[in-house]
Amino acid sequence: MATARLPPLPSVRDLLRLYRLRAVQQLSQNFLLDGGVCAKLARAAGPLTGAHVCEVGPGMGSITRAVLQQQPASLTLVEKDTRFLPALLMLKHAVEPGCPVRIVAGDVLRYDMAAAFPVAPTPWEDPCTSAYIIGNLPFSISTPLVVRWLRDVSRREGAWKLGRVRMALTFQKEVAERMAAEAGDAQRCRLSVMAQTFCRVHHRFTLGRHLFTPQPEVDVGVVVLTPLKQPRINLPFHIVEKVARCLFNMRQKSIVRGVQTLYPAPVRVQLALDTLRLAEVDSASRPFELTVDEVSSSDERA
């Protein structure tokens, strides 16, 4: 893998002192300062040399530096906290024109992700594009953001109208484990089914909480999401999300209880039993025991 040495720069730790910056608790900010760990996270995404990368929430640019060392073709940084812009501008000026860096000062929840990548659309059935999304996500937005992106994957909207764009993202360890949990795993939940319906989910590794400043209360999991050529449930996203939510609303009870909530009260008991019979799913099983294919059968019958 090609790497490049960046020009001499102040360390991120020194920049935090220089600008007198502290993490904002309301924004769930935790800085990752170890260069080796940042490089490991950047490598988790895939081969970034010559690729087009969008980093979400770069902060002071710790992971940004690791990405730039892999010599991407372009890099877009989406950062909401304007306190970090001077440090990001310093990086931008240090590496250009070798790698064009664009800084977007704004909320990723309102940003058109397709605008981050100067690439032509590729057919969905082709290999994954040379575009990647990387982010050490704030815990407060990580789950709603990834659900939104899964919806965009299913509809081939946003960044995914360009093709199958891969993601390497951080989550609370428990959330990362849930996303990757297979049938029978006690961690399996609504998010497991939704993520695995539209993407190949790989929980690559866990970062100890001691690696972050300030130290969060939980460890952090790094998850790589690769959109599938064909979703495992061939139904609109809102139906998959609704059925998964109902199934796992009472995850420790028999599955028939969750299926009942899909139907009006006067007929829900019989229709729930009919649905599970037609789907060939044991009504006494519990939601976390279901495979994606069994959820698919329930979706179609409902």
Protein backbone atom coordinates (compact mmCIF):
# COMPACT_ATOMS: atom_id res chain seq x y z
CA MET A 1 0.00 0.00 0.00
CA ALA A 2 1.41 3.38 -1.03
CA THR A 3 2.08 5.86 1.73
CA ALA A 4 3.35 9.41 1.70
CA ARG A 5 5.14 11.41 4.34
CA LEU A 6 3.31 14.60 5.25
CA PRO A 7 5.17 17.90 5.61
CA PRO A 8 6.32 18.70 9.17
CA LEU A 9 3.23 19.66 11.15
CA PRO A 10 2.42 20.31 14.80
CA SER A 11 0.99 17.25 16.52
CA VAL A 12 -2.76 17.14 17.04
CA ARG A 13 -2.17 17.20 20.78
CA ASP A 14 -0.12 20.38 20.41
CA LEU A 15 -2.83 21.94 18.26
CA LEU A 16 -5.43 21.23 20.91
CA ARG A 17 -3.25 23.10 23.40
CA LEU A 18 -2.48 25.91 20.95
CA TYR A 19 -6.13 26.60 20.15
CA ARG A 20 -7.22 25.77 23.72
CA LEU A 21 -9.81 23.32 22.47
CA ARG A 22 -11.74 20.87 24.58
CA ALA A 23 -14.25 18.25 23.54
CA VAL A 24 -17.87 19.39 23.72
CA GLN A 25 -19.90 16.86 25.67
CA GLN A 26 -23.16 17.86 23.97
CA LEU A 27 -21.62 16.92 20.61
CA SER A 28 -20.32 13.56 21.92
CA GLN A 29 -16.77 14.51 20.92
CA ASN A 30 -13.89 12.17 21.72
CA PHE A 31 -10.52 12.75 20.08
CA LEU A 32 -8.42 9.86 18.76
CA LEU A 33 -4.81 11.04 18.96
CA ASP A 34 -2.69 7.90 18.46
CA GLY A 35 -1.27 8.02 14.91
CA GLY A 36 -0.86 4.25 14.68
CA VAL A 37 -4.46 3.64 15.67
CA CYS A 38 -5.67 6.30 13.21
CA ALA A 39 -3.69 4.57 10.45
CA LYS A 40 -5.29 1.24 11.36
CA LEU A 41 -8.74 2.78 11.15
CA ALA A 42 -7.98 4.38 7.77
CA ARG A 43 -6.67 1.05 6.42
CA ALA A 44 -9.85 -0.71 7.56
CA ALA A 45 -11.85 1.07 4.88
CA GLY A 46 -9.88 -0.42 2.01
CA PRO A 47 -7.19 0.66 -0.48
CA LEU A 48 -7.36 4.46 -0.37
CA THR A 49 -4.48 5.15 -2.76
CA GLY A 50 -6.00 6.95 -5.74
CA ALA A 51 -9.46 6.77 -4.14
CA HIS A 52 -11.95 9.54 -3.37
CA VAL A 53 -12.60 9.81 0.36
CA CYS A 54 -15.15 11.65 2.46
CA GLU A 55 -14.35 11.89 6.17
CA VAL A 56 -17.22 12.75 8.47
CA GLY A 57 -16.40 14.63 11.65
CA PRO A 58 -12.62 14.94 11.20
CA GLY A 59 -12.22 17.20 14.23
CA MET A 60 -8.58 18.24 14.49
CA GLY A 61 -7.58 15.91 11.65
CA SER A 62 -6.04 12.88 13.39
CA ILE A 63 -7.58 10.33 11.03
CA THR A 64 -7.34 12.84 8.19
CA ARG A 65 -3.56 12.69 8.40
CA ALA A 66 -3.63 8.89 8.18
CA VAL A 67 -5.92 9.07 5.15
CA LEU A 68 -3.65 11.60 3.41
CA GLN A 69 -0.62 9.36 3.96
CA GLN A 70 -2.30 6.80 1.72
CA GLN A 71 -2.38 9.33 -1.14
CA PRO A 72 -6.07 9.48 -2.07
CA ALA A 73 -7.08 11.25 -5.28
CA SER A 74 -9.33 13.65 -3.36
CA LEU A 75 -10.54 14.21 0.18
CA THR A 76 -13.70 15.94 1.42
CA LEU A 77 -14.00 16.81 5.11
CA VAL A 78 -17.44 17.45 6.61
CA GLU A 79 -17.13 19.15 9.99
CA LYS A 80 -19.88 20.84 11.99
CA ASP A 81 -17.71 22.37 14.71
CA THR A 82 -16.10 25.50 13.26
CA ARG A 83 -13.47 25.56 16.04
CA PHE A 84 -11.59 22.87 14.10
CA LEU A 85 -11.46 24.70 10.77
CA PRO A 86 -8.04 26.39 11.30
CA ALA A 87 -6.37 23.01 11.93
CA LEU A 88 -8.09 21.47 8.89
CA LEU A 89 -7.14 24.45 6.71
CA MET A 90 -3.53 23.98 7.79
CA LEU A 91 -3.68 20.36 6.60
CA LYS A 92 -5.32 21.40 3.36
CA HIS A 93 -2.59 23.92 2.55
CA ALA A 94 0.15 21.48 3.56
CA VAL A 95 -0.83 18.73 1.11
CA GLU A 96 -2.20 20.57 -1.90
CA PRO A 97 -1.82 20.35 -4.86
CA GLY A 98 -0.85 16.69 -4.36
CA CYS A 99 -4.32 15.86 -3.03
CA PRO A 100 -7.23 18.29 -3.40
CA VAL A 101 -8.85 18.76 0.01
CA ARG A 102 -12.30 20.31 0.29
CA ILE A 103 -13.62 21.39 3.68
CA VAL A 104 -17.39 21.54 4.20
CA ALA A 105 -18.38 23.44 7.33
CA GLY A 106 -21.78 21.98 8.08
CA ASP A 107 -23.95 19.24 9.55
CA VAL A 108 -23.54 15.87 7.83
CA LEU A 109 -27.23 15.20 8.47
CA ARG A 110 -28.01 18.00 5.99
CA TYR A 111 -25.20 17.33 3.55
CA ASP A 112 -25.67 15.75 0.11
CA MET A 113 -23.09 12.98 0.30
CA ALA A 114 -22.95 12.63 -3.49
CA ALA A 115 -21.35 16.09 -3.64
CA ALA A 116 -18.31 14.73 -1.77
CA PHE A 117 -17.12 12.56 -4.64
CA PRO A 118 -15.88 13.84 -8.03
CA VAL A 119 -16.56 10.52 -9.74
CA ALA A 120 -18.86 9.35 -12.51
CA PRO A 121 -21.66 6.92 -11.56
CA THR A 122 -20.90 3.24 -12.01
CA PRO A 123 -23.44 0.42 -12.46
CA TRP A 124 -24.57 -1.07 -9.16
CA GLU A 125 -23.65 -4.58 -10.30
CA ASP A 126 -20.03 -3.52 -10.93
CA PRO A 127 -17.33 -3.79 -8.24
CA CYS A 128 -17.49 -1.18 -5.48
CA THR A 129 -16.56 2.34 -6.54
CA SER A 130 -13.30 4.08 -5.65
CA ALA A 131 -15.26 6.23 -3.18
CA TYR A 132 -15.15 5.69 0.59
CA ILE A 133 -16.84 7.23 3.62
CA ILE A 134 -14.80 7.24 6.83
CA GLY A 135 -15.80 8.65 10.18
CA ASN A 136 -15.15 8.62 13.90
CA LEU A 137 -18.81 9.38 14.49
CA PRO A 138 -20.17 11.13 17.56
CA PHE A 139 -22.17 8.58 19.54
CA SER A 140 -25.18 10.92 19.60
CA ILE A 141 -25.72 10.71 15.83
CA SER A 142 -24.07 7.42 14.83
CA THR A 143 -27.18 5.22 14.85
CA PRO A 144 -29.65 7.65 13.21
CA LEU A 145 -26.99 8.55 10.64
CA VAL A 146 -26.22 4.96 9.66
CA VAL A 147 -29.96 4.18 9.43
CA ARG A 148 -30.32 7.15 7.07
CA TRP A 149 -27.40 5.92 5.00
CA LEU A 150 -28.83 2.39 4.88
CA ARG A 151 -32.03 3.91 3.53
CA ASP A 152 -29.99 5.73 0.88
CA VAL A 153 -28.20 2.47 0.01
CA SER A 154 -31.56 0.74 -0.44
CA ARG A 155 -32.83 3.54 -2.69
CA ARG A 156 -29.47 4.14 -4.38
CA GLU A 157 -29.65 7.79 -3.40
CA GLY A 158 -27.12 10.23 -1.95
CA ALA A 159 -23.58 8.92 -2.29
CA TRP A 160 -24.97 5.60 -3.49
CA LYS A 161 -26.41 6.99 -6.69
CA LEU A 162 -22.76 6.87 -7.76
CA GLY A 163 -22.51 3.12 -7.12
CA ARG A 164 -21.62 0.89 -4.18
CA VAL A 165 -19.72 3.20 -1.81
CA ARG A 166 -18.08 1.52 1.19
CA MET A 167 -18.12 2.90 4.74
CA ALA A 168 -15.70 2.51 7.67
CA LEU A 169 -17.31 3.99 10.77
CA THR A 170 -16.96 3.98 14.53
CA PHE A 171 -19.76 3.14 16.96
CA GLN A 172 -20.11 2.33 20.61
CA LYS A 173 -18.85 -1.24 20.95
CA GLU A 174 -22.32 -2.54 21.79
CA VAL A 175 -23.82 -0.92 18.68
CA ALA A 176 -21.03 -2.35 16.50
CA GLU A 177 -21.66 -5.82 17.93
CA ARG A 178 -25.39 -5.49 17.32
CA MET A 179 -24.92 -4.50 13.70
CA ALA A 180 -22.81 -7.61 13.04
CA ALA A 181 -24.78 -10.03 15.28
CA GLU A 182 -25.97 -13.17 13.51
CA ALA A 183 -29.13 -15.15 14.19
CA GLY A 184 -29.12 -16.66 17.68
CA ASP A 185 -26.80 -14.00 19.10
CA ALA A 186 -28.34 -12.27 22.10
CA GLN A 187 -27.15 -8.92 20.64
CA ARG A 188 -29.22 -9.34 17.47
CA CYS A 189 -31.74 -6.53 17.01
CA ARG A 190 -33.58 -4.34 14.50
CA LEU A 191 -30.32 -2.69 13.42
CA SER A 192 -28.72 -6.10 12.75
CA VAL A 193 -31.45 -7.03 10.29
CA MET A 194 -31.51 -3.64 8.57
CA ALA A 195 -27.74 -3.42 8.16
CA GLN A 196 -27.36 -7.03 6.99
CA THR A 197 -30.26 -6.70 4.56
CA PHE A 198 -28.48 -4.06 2.50
CA CYS A 199 -24.77 -4.44 3.36
CA ARG A 200 -22.07 -6.91 4.22
CA VAL A 201 -21.27 -5.98 7.81
CA HIS A 202 -17.78 -6.56 9.17
CA HIS A 203 -16.95 -5.60 12.76
CA ARG A 204 -13.23 -5.18 12.10
CA PHE A 205 -11.84 -4.47 15.57
CA THR A 206 -12.45 -2.74 18.88
CA LEU A 207 -10.62 0.32 20.19
CA GLY A 208 -10.23 0.61 23.94
CA ARG A 209 -11.79 3.66 25.53
CA HIS A 210 -8.36 4.63 26.90
CA LEU A 211 -7.29 5.57 23.36
CA PHE A 212 -9.68 8.53 23.27
CA THR A 213 -9.51 11.97 24.85
CA PRO A 214 -11.63 12.56 26.85
CA GLN A 215 -12.14 8.91 27.65
CA PRO A 216 -15.69 7.74 26.86
CA GLU A 217 -17.55 5.36 29.14
CA VAL A 218 -17.48 2.54 26.57
CA ASP A 219 -15.07 0.96 24.10
CA VAL A 220 -15.44 1.75 20.39
CA GLY A 221 -16.05 -0.68 17.52
CA VAL A 222 -14.92 -0.09 13.93
CA VAL A 223 -17.43 -1.40 11.40
CA VAL A 224 -17.01 -1.67 7.62
CA LEU A 225 -20.23 -1.66 5.58
CA THR A 226 -20.12 -2.84 1.96
CA PRO A 227 -23.38 -2.43 0.01
CA LEU A 228 -24.65 -5.70 -1.45
CA LYS A 229 -25.30 -6.08 -5.17
CA GLN A 230 -28.73 -7.45 -4.30
CA PRO A 231 -30.47 -6.76 -0.96
CA ARG A 232 -31.28 -9.86 1.05
CA ILE A 233 -34.86 -8.61 1.40
CA ASN A 234 -36.21 -7.30 -1.89
CA LEU A 235 -38.70 -4.86 -0.41
CA PRO A 236 -38.72 -1.07 0.15
CA PHE A 237 -36.68 0.19 3.06
CA HIS A 238 -39.65 1.52 5.04
CA ILE A 239 -41.29 -1.92 5.04
CA VAL A 240 -38.11 -3.67 6.16
CA GLU A 241 -37.63 -1.06 8.90
CA LYS A 242 -41.24 -1.30 10.11
CA VAL A 243 -41.33 -5.10 10.25
CA ALA A 244 -37.92 -5.28 11.96
CA ARG A 245 -39.01 -2.67 14.51
CA CYS A 246 -42.21 -4.56 15.30
CA LEU A 247 -40.43 -7.92 15.51
CA PHE A 248 -37.81 -6.66 17.95
CA ASN A 249 -40.09 -4.41 19.99
CA MET A 250 -40.53 -7.33 22.38
CA ARG A 251 -37.28 -9.14 21.63
CA GLN A 252 -37.34 -11.45 24.66
CA LYS A 253 -40.90 -12.65 24.02
CA SER A 254 -42.10 -15.13 21.40
CA ILE A 255 -42.05 -13.70 17.90
CA VAL A 256 -45.80 -13.92 17.49
CA ARG A 257 -46.18 -11.04 19.96
CA GLY A 258 -44.18 -8.72 17.73
CA VAL A 259 -45.92 -9.84 14.53
CA GLN A 260 -49.28 -9.08 16.13
CA THR A 261 -48.39 -5.39 16.30
CA LEU A 262 -48.33 -5.28 12.49
CA TYR A 263 -52.10 -5.76 12.35
CA PRO A 264 -55.27 -4.06 13.70
CA ALA A 265 -56.32 -5.22 17.16
CA PRO A 266 -59.51 -7.12 16.19
CA VAL A 267 -57.69 -9.48 13.81
CA ARG A 268 -54.07 -9.37 14.95
CA VAL A 269 -53.94 -12.70 16.81
CA GLN A 270 -55.15 -14.83 13.92
CA LEU A 271 -53.32 -12.87 11.22
CA ALA A 272 -50.04 -13.10 13.14
CA LEU A 273 -50.38 -16.89 13.38
CA ASP A 274 -51.30 -17.10 9.69
CA THR A 275 -48.30 -14.95 8.73
CA LEU A 276 -45.84 -17.11 10.62
CA ARG A 277 -47.39 -20.33 9.31
CA LEU A 278 -47.11 -19.13 5.70
CA ALA A 279 -43.54 -17.93 6.36
CA GLU A 280 -42.72 -21.32 7.92
CA VAL A 281 -41.41 -19.64 11.06
CA ASP A 282 -41.98 -21.15 14.50
CA SER A 283 -44.32 -18.80 16.37
CA ALA A 284 -42.63 -19.71 19.67
CA SER A 285 -39.19 -18.57 18.50
CA ARG A 286 -37.77 -15.29 19.72
CA PRO A 287 -36.86 -12.40 17.41
CA PHE A 288 -33.09 -12.65 17.87
CA GLU A 289 -33.18 -16.24 16.62
CA LEU A 290 -34.41 -15.21 13.16
CA THR A 291 -32.17 -15.12 10.10
CA VAL A 292 -32.54 -12.31 7.55
CA ASP A 293 -34.22 -14.81 5.21
CA GLU A 294 -36.82 -15.64 7.85
CA VAL A 295 -37.47 -11.95 8.45
CA SER A 296 -37.84 -11.63 4.67
CA SER A 297 -40.50 -14.32 4.69
CA SER A 298 -42.36 -12.48 7.45
CA ASP A 299 -42.07 -9.21 5.50
CA GLU A 300 -43.53 -10.74 2.36
CA ARG A 301 -46.38 -12.49 4.17
CA ALA A 302 -47.25 -9.39 6.20
